[in-house]
PDB file of N, CA and C in Angstrom:
ATOM      1  N   MET A   1      13.350  -0.001 -11.991  1.00  0.00           N
ATOM      2  CA  MET A   1      13.299  -1.182 -11.152  1.00  0.00           C
ATOM      3  C   MET A   1      12.812  -2.352 -12.016  1.00  0.00           C
ATOM      4  N   SER A   2      13.453  -3.475 -11.864  1.00  0.00           N
ATOM      5  CA  SER A   2      13.103  -4.647 -12.669  1.00  0.00           C
ATOM      6  C   SER A   2      11.770  -5.258 -12.200  1.00  0.00           C
ATOM      7  N   PRO A   3      11.128  -6.025 -13.084  1.00  0.00           N
ATOM      8  CA  PRO A   3       9.894  -6.696 -12.668  1.00  0.00           C
ATOM      9  C   PRO A   3      10.102  -7.599 -11.447  1.00  0.00           C
ATOM     10  N   GLU A   4      11.250  -8.257 -11.389  1.00  0.00           N
ATOM     11  CA  GLU A   4      11.545  -9.119 -10.221  1.00  0.00           C
ATOM     12  C   GLU A   4      11.602  -8.298  -8.936  1.00  0.00           C
ATOM     13  N   GLN A   5      12.281  -7.165  -9.002  1.00  0.00           N
ATOM     14  CA  GLN A   5      12.383  -6.304  -7.819  1.00  0.00           C
ATOM     15  C   GLN A   5      11.009  -5.780  -7.409  1.00  0.00           C
ATOM     16  N   ARG A   6      10.191  -5.427  -8.395  1.00  0.00           N
ATOM     17  CA  ARG A   6       8.842  -4.954  -8.097  1.00  0.00           C
ATOM     18  C   ARG A   6       8.001  -6.065  -7.476  1.00  0.00           C
ATOM     19  N   ARG A   7       8.195  -7.287  -7.949  1.00  0.00           N
ATOM     20  CA  ARG A   7       7.461  -8.416  -7.379  1.00  0.00           C
ATOM     21  C   ARG A   7       7.880  -8.641  -5.931  1.00  0.00           C
ATOM     22  N   TRP A   8       9.178  -8.552  -5.649  1.00  0.00           N
ATOM     23  CA  TRP A   8       9.659  -8.719  -4.273  1.00  0.00           C
ATOM     24  C   TRP A   8       9.116  -7.616  -3.372  1.00  0.00           C
ATOM     25  N   LYS A   9       9.095  -6.385  -3.889  1.00  0.00           N
ATOM     26  CA  LYS A   9       8.569  -5.263  -3.110  1.00  0.00           C
ATOM     27  C   LYS A   9       7.088  -5.494  -2.803  1.00  0.00           C
ATOM     28  N   ALA A  10       6.356  -6.025  -3.778  1.00  0.00           N
ATOM     29  CA  ALA A  10       4.930  -6.327  -3.575  1.00  0.00           C
ATOM     30  C   ALA A  10       4.752  -7.391  -2.500  1.00  0.00           C
ATOM     31  N   GLU A  11       5.613  -8.398  -2.515  1.00  0.00           N
ATOM     32  CA  GLU A  11       5.534  -9.444  -1.487  1.00  0.00           C
ATOM     33  C   GLU A  11       5.783  -8.852  -0.102  1.00  0.00           C
ATOM     34  N   ASP A  12       6.753  -7.950  -0.003  1.00  0.00           N
ATOM     35  CA  ASP A  12       7.028  -7.280   1.281  1.00  0.00           C
ATOM     36  C   ASP A  12       5.843  -6.427   1.718  1.00  0.00           C
ATOM     37  N   ALA A  13       5.246  -5.713   0.769  1.00  0.00           N
ATOM     38  CA  ALA A  13       4.098  -4.856   1.094  1.00  0.00           C
ATOM     39  C   ALA A  13       2.924  -5.704   1.570  1.00  0.00           C
ATOM     40  N   LYS A  14       2.680  -6.834   0.909  1.00  0.00           N
ATOM     41  CA  LYS A  14       1.584  -7.719   1.310  1.00  0.00           C
ATOM     42  C   LYS A  14       1.852  -8.288   2.702  1.00  0.00           C
ATOM     43  N   ALA A  15       3.100  -8.691   2.944  1.00  0.00           N
ATOM     44  CA  ALA A  15       3.452  -9.216   4.268  1.00  0.00           C
ATOM     45  C   ALA A  15       3.238  -8.146   5.343  1.00  0.00           C
ATOM     46  N   LEU A  16       3.552  -6.908   5.000  1.00  0.00           N
ATOM     47  CA  LEU A  16       3.352  -5.813   5.951  1.00  0.00           C
ATOM     48  C   LEU A  16       1.867  -5.636   6.271  1.00  0.00           C
ATOM     49  N   LEU A  17       1.029  -5.600   5.240  1.00  0.00           N
ATOM     50  CA  LEU A  17      -0.406  -5.434   5.475  1.00  0.00           C
ATOM     51  C   LEU A  17      -1.013  -6.618   6.216  1.00  0.00           C
ATOM     52  N   ASP A  18      -0.443  -7.797   6.030  1.00  0.00           N
ATOM     53  CA  ASP A  18      -0.960  -8.999   6.693  1.00  0.00           C
ATOM     54  C   ASP A  18      -0.389  -9.192   8.095  1.00  0.00           C
ATOM     55  N   ASN A  19       0.631  -8.410   8.445  1.00  0.00           N
ATOM     56  CA  ASN A  19       1.285  -8.549   9.744  1.00  0.00           C
ATOM     57  C   ASN A  19       0.336  -8.137  10.861  1.00  0.00           C
ATOM     58  N   PRO A  20       0.100  -9.028  11.839  1.00  0.00           N
ATOM     59  CA  PRO A  20      -0.844  -8.713  12.916  1.00  0.00           C
ATOM     60  C   PRO A  20      -0.450  -7.489  13.738  1.00  0.00           C
ATOM     61  N   ILE A  21       0.835  -7.293  13.957  1.00  0.00           N
ATOM     62  CA  ILE A  21       1.272  -6.125  14.733  1.00  0.00           C
ATOM     63  C   ILE A  21       1.004  -4.848  13.950  1.00  0.00           C
ATOM     64  N   PHE A  22       1.333  -4.858  12.656  1.00  0.00           N
ATOM     65  CA  PHE A  22       1.068  -3.679  11.832  1.00  0.00           C
ATOM     66  C   PHE A  22      -0.428  -3.386  11.784  1.00  0.00           C
ATOM     67  N   LYS A  23      -1.227  -4.430  11.597  1.00  0.00           N
ATOM     68  CA  LYS A  23      -2.684  -4.244  11.565  1.00  0.00           C
ATOM     69  C   LYS A  23      -3.170  -3.605  12.861  1.00  0.00           C
ATOM     70  N   SER A  24      -2.675  -4.111  13.979  1.00  0.00           N
ATOM     71  CA  SER A  24      -3.088  -3.612  15.286  1.00  0.00           C
ATOM     72  C   SER A  24      -2.687  -2.150  15.467  1.00  0.00           C
ATOM     73  N   VAL A  25      -1.453  -1.820  15.126  1.00  0.00           N
ATOM     74  CA  VAL A  25      -0.955  -0.453  15.284  1.00  0.00           C
ATOM     75  C   VAL A  25      -1.704   0.496  14.345  1.00  0.00           C
ATOM     76  N   PHE A  26      -1.907   0.064  13.106  1.00  0.00           N
ATOM     77  CA  PHE A  26      -2.592   0.906  12.132  1.00  0.00           C
ATOM     78  C   PHE A  26      -4.042   1.155  12.566  1.00  0.00           C
ATOM     79  N   LYS A  27      -4.692   0.117  13.089  1.00  0.00           N
ATOM     80  CA  LYS A  27      -6.071   0.263  13.572  1.00  0.00           C
ATOM     81  C   LYS A  27      -6.114   1.182  14.787  1.00  0.00           C
ATOM     82  N   ALA A  28      -5.160   1.015  15.696  1.00  0.00           N
ATOM     83  CA  ALA A  28      -5.118   1.865  16.887  1.00  0.00           C
ATOM     84  C   ALA A  28      -4.925   3.329  16.494  1.00  0.00           C
ATOM     85  N   ALA A  29      -4.063   3.583  15.532  1.00  0.00           N
ATOM     86  CA  ALA A  29      -3.852   4.960  15.073  1.00  0.00           C
ATOM     87  C   ALA A  29      -5.129   5.516  14.451  1.00  0.00           C
ATOM     88  N   GLY A  30      -5.792   4.705  13.632  1.00  0.00           N
ATOM     89  CA  GLY A  30      -7.046   5.135  13.025  1.00  0.00           C
ATOM     90  C   GLY A  30      -8.126   5.396  14.056  1.00  0.00           C
ATOM     91  N   ASP A  31      -8.217   4.515  15.045  1.00  0.00           N
ATOM     92  CA  ASP A  31      -9.202   4.691  16.116  1.00  0.00           C
ATOM     93  C   ASP A  31      -8.924   5.958  16.923  1.00  0.00           C
ATOM     94  N   TYR A  32      -7.643   6.228  17.188  1.00  0.00           N
ATOM     95  CA  TYR A  32      -7.265   7.422  17.935  1.00  0.00           C
ATOM     96  C   TYR A  32      -7.674   8.682  17.168  1.00  0.00           C
ATOM     97  N   VAL A  33      -7.377   8.698  15.885  1.00  0.00           N
ATOM     98  CA  VAL A  33      -7.726   9.861  15.068  1.00  0.00           C
ATOM     99  C   VAL A  33      -9.247  10.025  14.993  1.00  0.00           C
ATOM    100  N   GLU A  34      -9.953   8.908  14.881  1.00  0.00           N
ATOM    101  CA  GLU A  34     -11.417   8.954  14.843  1.00  0.00           C
ATOM    102  C   GLU A  34     -11.975   9.521  16.152  1.00  0.00           C
ATOM    103  N   ALA A  35     -11.407   9.091  17.280  1.00  0.00           N
ATOM    104  CA  ALA A  35     -11.841   9.611  18.582  1.00  0.00           C
ATOM    105  C   ALA A  35     -11.567  11.112  18.676  1.00  0.00           C
ATOM    106  N   LYS A  36     -10.424  11.524  18.164  1.00  0.00           N
ATOM    107  CA  LYS A  36     -10.095  12.956  18.156  1.00  0.00           C
ATOM    108  C   LYS A  36     -11.086  13.728  17.290  1.00  0.00           C
ATOM    109  N   ALA A  37     -11.474  13.132  16.169  1.00  0.00           N
ATOM    110  CA  ALA A  37     -12.426  13.790  15.270  1.00  0.00           C
ATOM    111  C   ALA A  37     -13.773  13.966  15.959  1.00  0.00           C
ATOM    112  N   LEU A  38     -14.207  12.943  16.674  1.00  0.00           N
ATOM    113  CA  LEU A  38     -15.508  13.012  17.337  1.00  0.00           C
ATOM    114  C   LEU A  38     -15.516  13.972  18.531  1.00  0.00           C
ATOM    115  N   SER A  39     -14.358  14.134  19.153  1.00  0.00           N
ATOM    116  CA  SER A  39     -14.301  15.012  20.327  1.00  0.00           C
ATOM    117  C   SER A  39     -13.811  16.419  19.989  1.00  0.00           C
ATOM    118  N   CYS A  40     -13.556  16.660  18.744  1.00  0.00           N
ATOM    119  CA  CYS A  40     -13.015  17.953  18.309  1.00  0.00           C
ATOM    120  C   CYS A  40     -14.094  19.046  18.400  1.00  0.00           C
ATOM    121  N   ASP A  41     -13.717  20.173  18.934  1.00  0.00           N
ATOM    122  CA  ASP A  41     -14.614  21.325  18.988  1.00  0.00           C
ATOM    123  C   ASP A  41     -14.824  21.832  17.559  1.00  0.00           C
ATOM    124  N   PRO A  42     -16.049  21.838  17.073  1.00  0.00           N
ATOM    125  CA  PRO A  42     -16.294  22.246  15.687  1.00  0.00           C
ATOM    126  C   PRO A  42     -15.885  23.692  15.399  1.00  0.00           C
ATOM    127  N   ASP A  43     -15.785  24.501  16.435  1.00  0.00           N
ATOM    128  CA  ASP A  43     -15.377  25.893  16.245  1.00  0.00           C
ATOM    129  C   ASP A  43     -13.854  26.041  16.150  1.00  0.00           C
ATOM    130  N   ASN A  44     -13.121  24.993  16.524  1.00  0.00           N
ATOM    131  CA  ASN A  44     -11.660  25.027  16.454  1.00  0.00           C
ATOM    132  C   ASN A  44     -11.221  24.489  15.095  1.00  0.00           C
ATOM    133  N   LYS A  45     -11.135  25.405  14.149  1.00  0.00           N
ATOM    134  CA  LYS A  45     -10.824  25.007  12.772  1.00  0.00           C
ATOM    135  C   LYS A  45      -9.425  24.420  12.636  1.00  0.00           C
ATOM    136  N   ASP A  46      -8.476  24.911  13.414  1.00  0.00           N
ATOM    137  CA  ASP A  46      -7.110  24.377  13.342  1.00  0.00           C
ATOM    138  C   ASP A  46      -7.076  22.914  13.774  1.00  0.00           C
ATOM    139  N   ALA A  47      -7.741  22.605  14.875  1.00  0.00           N
ATOM    140  CA  ALA A  47      -7.767  21.219  15.362  1.00  0.00           C
ATOM    141  C   ALA A  47      -8.488  20.318  14.369  1.00  0.00           C
ATOM    142  N   ALA A  48      -9.609  20.801  13.835  1.00  0.00           N
ATOM    143  CA  ALA A  48     -10.354  20.009  12.857  1.00  0.00           C
ATOM    144  C   ALA A  48      -9.509  19.750  11.609  1.00  0.00           C
ATOM    145  N   GLN A  49      -8.775  20.760  11.175  1.00  0.00           N
ATOM    146  CA  GLN A  49      -7.925  20.598   9.998  1.00  0.00           C
ATOM    147  C   GLN A  49      -6.802  19.585  10.256  1.00  0.00           C
ATOM    148  N   ARG A  50      -6.230  19.610  11.451  1.00  0.00           N
ATOM    149  CA  ARG A  50      -5.175  18.643  11.793  1.00  0.00           C
ATOM    150  C   ARG A  50      -5.728  17.220  11.785  1.00  0.00           C
ATOM    151  N   VAL A  51      -6.945  17.040  12.294  1.00  0.00           N
ATOM    152  CA  VAL A  51      -7.565  15.715  12.299  1.00  0.00           C
ATOM    153  C   VAL A  51      -7.783  15.245  10.871  1.00  0.00           C
ATOM    154  N   ILE A  52      -8.288  16.117  10.016  1.00  0.00           N
ATOM    155  CA  ILE A  52      -8.532  15.753   8.620  1.00  0.00           C
ATOM    156  C   ILE A  52      -7.220  15.395   7.923  1.00  0.00           C
ATOM    157  N   LEU A  53      -6.196  16.193   8.132  1.00  0.00           N
ATOM    158  CA  LEU A  53      -4.896  15.913   7.516  1.00  0.00           C
ATOM    159  C   LEU A  53      -4.318  14.583   7.999  1.00  0.00           C
ATOM    160  N   THR A  54      -4.497  14.298   9.278  1.00  0.00           N
ATOM    161  CA  THR A  54      -3.998  13.035   9.823  1.00  0.00           C
ATOM    162  C   THR A  54      -4.742  11.853   9.212  1.00  0.00           C
ATOM    163  N   LYS A  55      -6.062  11.984   9.067  1.00  0.00           N
ATOM    164  CA  LYS A  55      -6.844  10.909   8.435  1.00  0.00           C
ATOM    165  C   LYS A  55      -6.404  10.723   6.982  1.00  0.00           C
ATOM    166  N   GLN A  56      -6.152  11.814   6.285  1.00  0.00           N
ATOM    167  CA  GLN A  56      -5.695  11.737   4.899  1.00  0.00           C
ATOM    168  C   GLN A  56      -4.319  11.077   4.814  1.00  0.00           C
ATOM    169  N   LEU A  57      -3.460  11.393   5.766  1.00  0.00           N
ATOM    170  CA  LEU A  57      -2.125  10.802   5.787  1.00  0.00           C
ATOM    171  C   LEU A  57      -2.191   9.291   6.008  1.00  0.00           C
ATOM    172  N   LEU A  58      -3.019   8.856   6.955  1.00  0.00           N
ATOM    173  CA  LEU A  58      -3.178   7.413   7.194  1.00  0.00           C
ATOM    174  C   LEU A  58      -3.707   6.713   5.945  1.00  0.00           C
ATOM    175  N   ALA A  59      -4.665   7.336   5.284  1.00  0.00           N
ATOM    176  CA  ALA A  59      -5.216   6.759   4.050  1.00  0.00           C
ATOM    177  C   ALA A  59      -4.151   6.712   2.963  1.00  0.00           C
ATOM    178  N   ALA A  60      -3.312   7.731   2.887  1.00  0.00           N
ATOM    179  CA  ALA A  60      -2.253   7.768   1.880  1.00  0.00           C
ATOM    180  C   ALA A  60      -1.215   6.678   2.119  1.00  0.00           C
ATOM    181  N   VAL A  61      -0.894   6.428   3.369  1.00  0.00           N
ATOM    182  CA  VAL A  61       0.071   5.364   3.693  1.00  0.00           C
ATOM    183  C   VAL A  61      -0.474   4.010   3.232  1.00  0.00           C
ATOM    184  N   GLU A  62      -1.728   3.736   3.572  1.00  0.00           N
ATOM    185  CA  GLU A  62      -2.323   2.462   3.161  1.00  0.00           C
ATOM    186  C   GLU A  62      -2.422   2.367   1.638  1.00  0.00           C
ATOM    187  N   ARG A  63      -2.803   3.462   0.994  1.00  0.00           N
ATOM    188  CA  ARG A  63      -2.914   3.480  -0.461  1.00  0.00           C
ATOM    189  C   ARG A  63      -1.560   3.198  -1.124  1.00  0.00           C
ATOM    190  N   GLU A  64      -0.493   3.760  -0.571  1.00  0.00           N
ATOM    191  CA  GLU A  64       0.845   3.549  -1.138  1.00  0.00           C
ATOM    192  C   GLU A  64       1.279   2.094  -0.989  1.00  0.00           C
ATOM    193  N   ILE A  65       0.992   1.489   0.149  1.00  0.00           N
ATOM    194  CA  ILE A  65       1.325   0.077   0.350  1.00  0.00           C
ATOM    195  C   ILE A  65       0.545  -0.780  -0.646  1.00  0.00           C
ATOM    196  N   ARG A  66      -0.734  -0.486  -0.804  1.00  0.00           N
ATOM    197  CA  ARG A  66      -1.558  -1.246  -1.761  1.00  0.00           C
ATOM    198  C   ARG A  66      -1.106  -1.012  -3.200  1.00  0.00           C
ATOM    199  N   ARG A  67      -0.592   0.173  -3.491  1.00  0.00           N
ATOM    200  CA  ARG A  67      -0.078   0.465  -4.834  1.00  0.00           C
ATOM    201  C   ARG A  67       1.100  -0.461  -5.162  1.00  0.00           C
ATOM    202  N   HIS A  68       1.945  -0.710  -4.174  1.00  0.00           N
ATOM    203  CA  HIS A  68       3.071  -1.626  -4.389  1.00  0.00           C
ATOM    204  C   HIS A  68       2.571  -3.047  -4.657  1.00  0.00           C
ATOM    205  N   ILE A  69       1.521  -3.443  -3.961  1.00  0.00           N
ATOM    206  CA  ILE A  69       0.948  -4.775  -4.174  1.00  0.00           C
ATOM    207  C   ILE A  69       0.387  -4.878  -5.592  1.00  0.00           C
ATOM    208  N   ASP A  70      -0.343  -3.859  -6.013  1.00  0.00           N
ATOM    209  CA  ASP A  70      -0.905  -3.848  -7.363  1.00  0.00           C
ATOM    210  C   ASP A  70       0.189  -3.838  -8.420  1.00  0.00           C
ATOM    211  N   ASP A  71       1.246  -3.067  -8.176  1.00  0.00           N
ATOM    212  CA  ASP A  71       2.356  -3.019  -9.118  1.00  0.00           C
ATOM    213  C   ASP A  71       3.034  -4.382  -9.215  1.00  0.00           C
ATOM    214  N   GLY A  72       3.063  -5.109  -8.124  1.00  0.00           N
ATOM    215  CA  GLY A  72       3.631  -6.456  -8.141  1.00  0.00           C
ATOM    216  C   GLY A  72       2.823  -7.390  -9.024  1.00  0.00           C
ATOM    217  N   ALA A  73       1.517  -7.208  -9.045  1.00  0.00           N
ATOM    218  CA  ALA A  73       0.669  -8.027  -9.924  1.00  0.00           C
ATOM    219  C   ALA A  73       0.977  -7.719 -11.386  1.00  0.00           C
ATOM    220  N   VAL A  74       1.196  -6.453 -11.699  1.00  0.00           N
ATOM    221  CA  VAL A  74       1.573  -6.075 -13.056  1.00  0.00           C
ATOM    222  C   VAL A  74       2.941  -6.670 -13.392  1.00  0.00           C
ATOM    223  N   ALA A  75       3.859  -6.622 -12.446  1.00  0.00           N
ATOM    224  CA  ALA A  75       5.194  -7.183 -12.654  1.00  0.00           C
ATOM    225  C   ALA A  75       5.112  -8.687 -12.901  1.00  0.00           C
ATOM    226  N   GLU A  76       4.238  -9.383 -12.184  1.00  0.00           N
ATOM    227  CA  GLU A  76       4.044 -10.824 -12.405  1.00  0.00           C
ATOM    228  C   GLU A  76       3.642 -11.083 -13.854  1.00  0.00           C
ATOM    229  N   PHE A  77       2.717 -10.282 -14.359  1.00  0.00           N
ATOM    230  CA  PHE A  77       2.269 -10.419 -15.742  1.00  0.00           C
ATOM    231  C   PHE A  77       3.437 -10.173 -16.695  1.00  0.00           C
ATOM    232  N   GLN A  78       4.230  -9.142 -16.425  1.00  0.00           N
ATOM    233  CA  GLN A  78       5.374  -8.832 -17.278  1.00  0.00           C
ATOM    234  C   GLN A  78       6.403  -9.954 -17.258  1.00  0.00           C
ATOM    235  N   ILE A  79       6.627 -10.527 -16.095  1.00  0.00           N
ATOM    236  CA  ILE A  79       7.571 -11.647 -15.984  1.00  0.00           C
ATOM    237  C   ILE A  79       7.075 -12.825 -16.813  1.00  0.00           C
ATOM    238  N   ALA A  80       5.783 -13.113 -16.734  1.00  0.00           N
ATOM    239  CA  ALA A  80       5.211 -14.210 -17.511  1.00  0.00           C
ATOM    240  C   ALA A  80       5.361 -13.947 -19.008  1.00  0.00           C
ATOM    241  N   GLU A  81       5.151 -12.713 -19.419  1.00  0.00           N
ATOM    242  CA  GLU A  81       5.298 -12.361 -20.831  1.00  0.00           C
ATOM    243  C   GLU A  81       6.749 -12.509 -21.283  1.00  0.00           C
ATOM    244  N   LEU A  82       7.687 -12.091 -20.448  1.00  0.00           N
ATOM    245  CA  LEU A  82       9.107 -12.245 -20.783  1.00  0.00           C
ATOM    246  C   LEU A  82       9.481 -13.717 -20.918  1.00  0.00           C
ATOM    247  N   GLU A  83       8.944 -14.537 -20.045  1.00  0.00           N
ATOM    248  CA  GLU A  83       9.211 -15.978 -20.116  1.00  0.00           C
ATOM    249  C   GLU A  83       8.661 -16.570 -21.415  1.00  0.00           C
ATOM    250  N   LYS A  84       7.470 -16.132 -21.805  1.00  0.00           N
ATOM    251  CA  LYS A  84       6.885 -16.610 -23.069  1.00  0.00           C
ATOM    252  C   LYS A  84       7.760 -16.231 -24.250  1.00  0.00           C
ATOM    253  N   ARG A  85       8.243 -14.981 -24.235  1.00  0.00           N
ATOM    254  CA  ARG A  85       9.112 -14.525 -25.335  1.00  0.00           C
ATOM    255  C   ARG A  85      10.400 -15.327 -25.394  1.00  0.00           C
ATOM    256  N   LYS A  86      10.972 -15.594 -24.238  1.00  0.00           N
ATOM    257  CA  LYS A  86      12.213 -16.400 -24.209  1.00  0.00           C
ATOM    258  C   LYS A  86      11.958 -17.775 -24.795  1.00  0.00           C
ATOM    259  N   LEU A  87      10.816 -18.359 -24.413  1.00  0.00           N
ATOM    260  CA  LEU A  87      10.472 -19.681 -24.905  1.00  0.00           C
ATOM    261  C   LEU A  87      10.254 -19.648 -26.411  1.00  0.00           C
ATOM    262  N   LEU A  88       9.575 -18.632 -26.928  1.00  0.00           N
ATOM    263  CA  LEU A  88       9.353 -18.522 -28.364  1.00  0.00           C
ATOM    264  C   LEU A  88      10.660 -18.339 -29.109  1.00  0.00           C
ATOM    265  N   ASN A  89      11.575 -17.572 -28.550  1.00  0.00           N
ATOM    266  CA  ASN A  89      12.874 -17.376 -29.185  1.00  0.00           C
ATOM    267  C   ASN A  89      13.668 -18.677 -29.267  1.00  0.00           C
ATOM    268  N   ILE A  90      13.522 -19.513 -28.271  1.00  0.00           N
ATOM    269  CA  ILE A  90      14.207 -20.816 -28.283  1.00  0.00           C
ATOM    270  C   ILE A  90      13.677 -21.673 -29.426  1.00  0.00           C
ATOM    271  N   PHE A  91      12.364 -21.678 -29.621  1.00  0.00           N
ATOM    272  CA  PHE A  91      11.772 -22.487 -30.675  1.00  0.00           C
ATOM    273  C   PHE A  91      11.986 -21.919 -32.058  1.00  0.00           C
ATOM    274  N   ARG A  92      12.232 -20.649 -32.183  1.00  0.00           N
ATOM    275  CA  ARG A  92      12.463 -20.018 -33.489  1.00  0.00           C
ATOM    276  C   ARG A  92      13.846 -20.342 -34.033  1.00  0.00           C
ATOM    277  N   ARG A  93      14.732 -20.720 -33.202  1.00  0.00           N
ATOM    278  CA  ARG A  93      16.117 -20.966 -33.639  1.00  0.00           C
ATOM    279  C   ARG A  93      16.243 -22.245 -34.362  1.00  0.00           C
TER     280      ARG A  93
END
């Protein structure tokens, strides 16, 4: 994937995280899982494991979105470096 494409993907990921509807839905899902965790019978290992896996999954989704944002920052740096090289090549001629 090109640096430009990675930058665009990062912009989309940031817009997603900043979207009020996404924030609301993501928070509601987290709150629901938290409520399930608090009401879970400690002797029911299967239910407790499902709650833990669900919390891990929600964290993984957010981490993946943030990874795209971070990768976009790296792509921005790479784009700037490519522009510098192009400019230097123009002056070398």
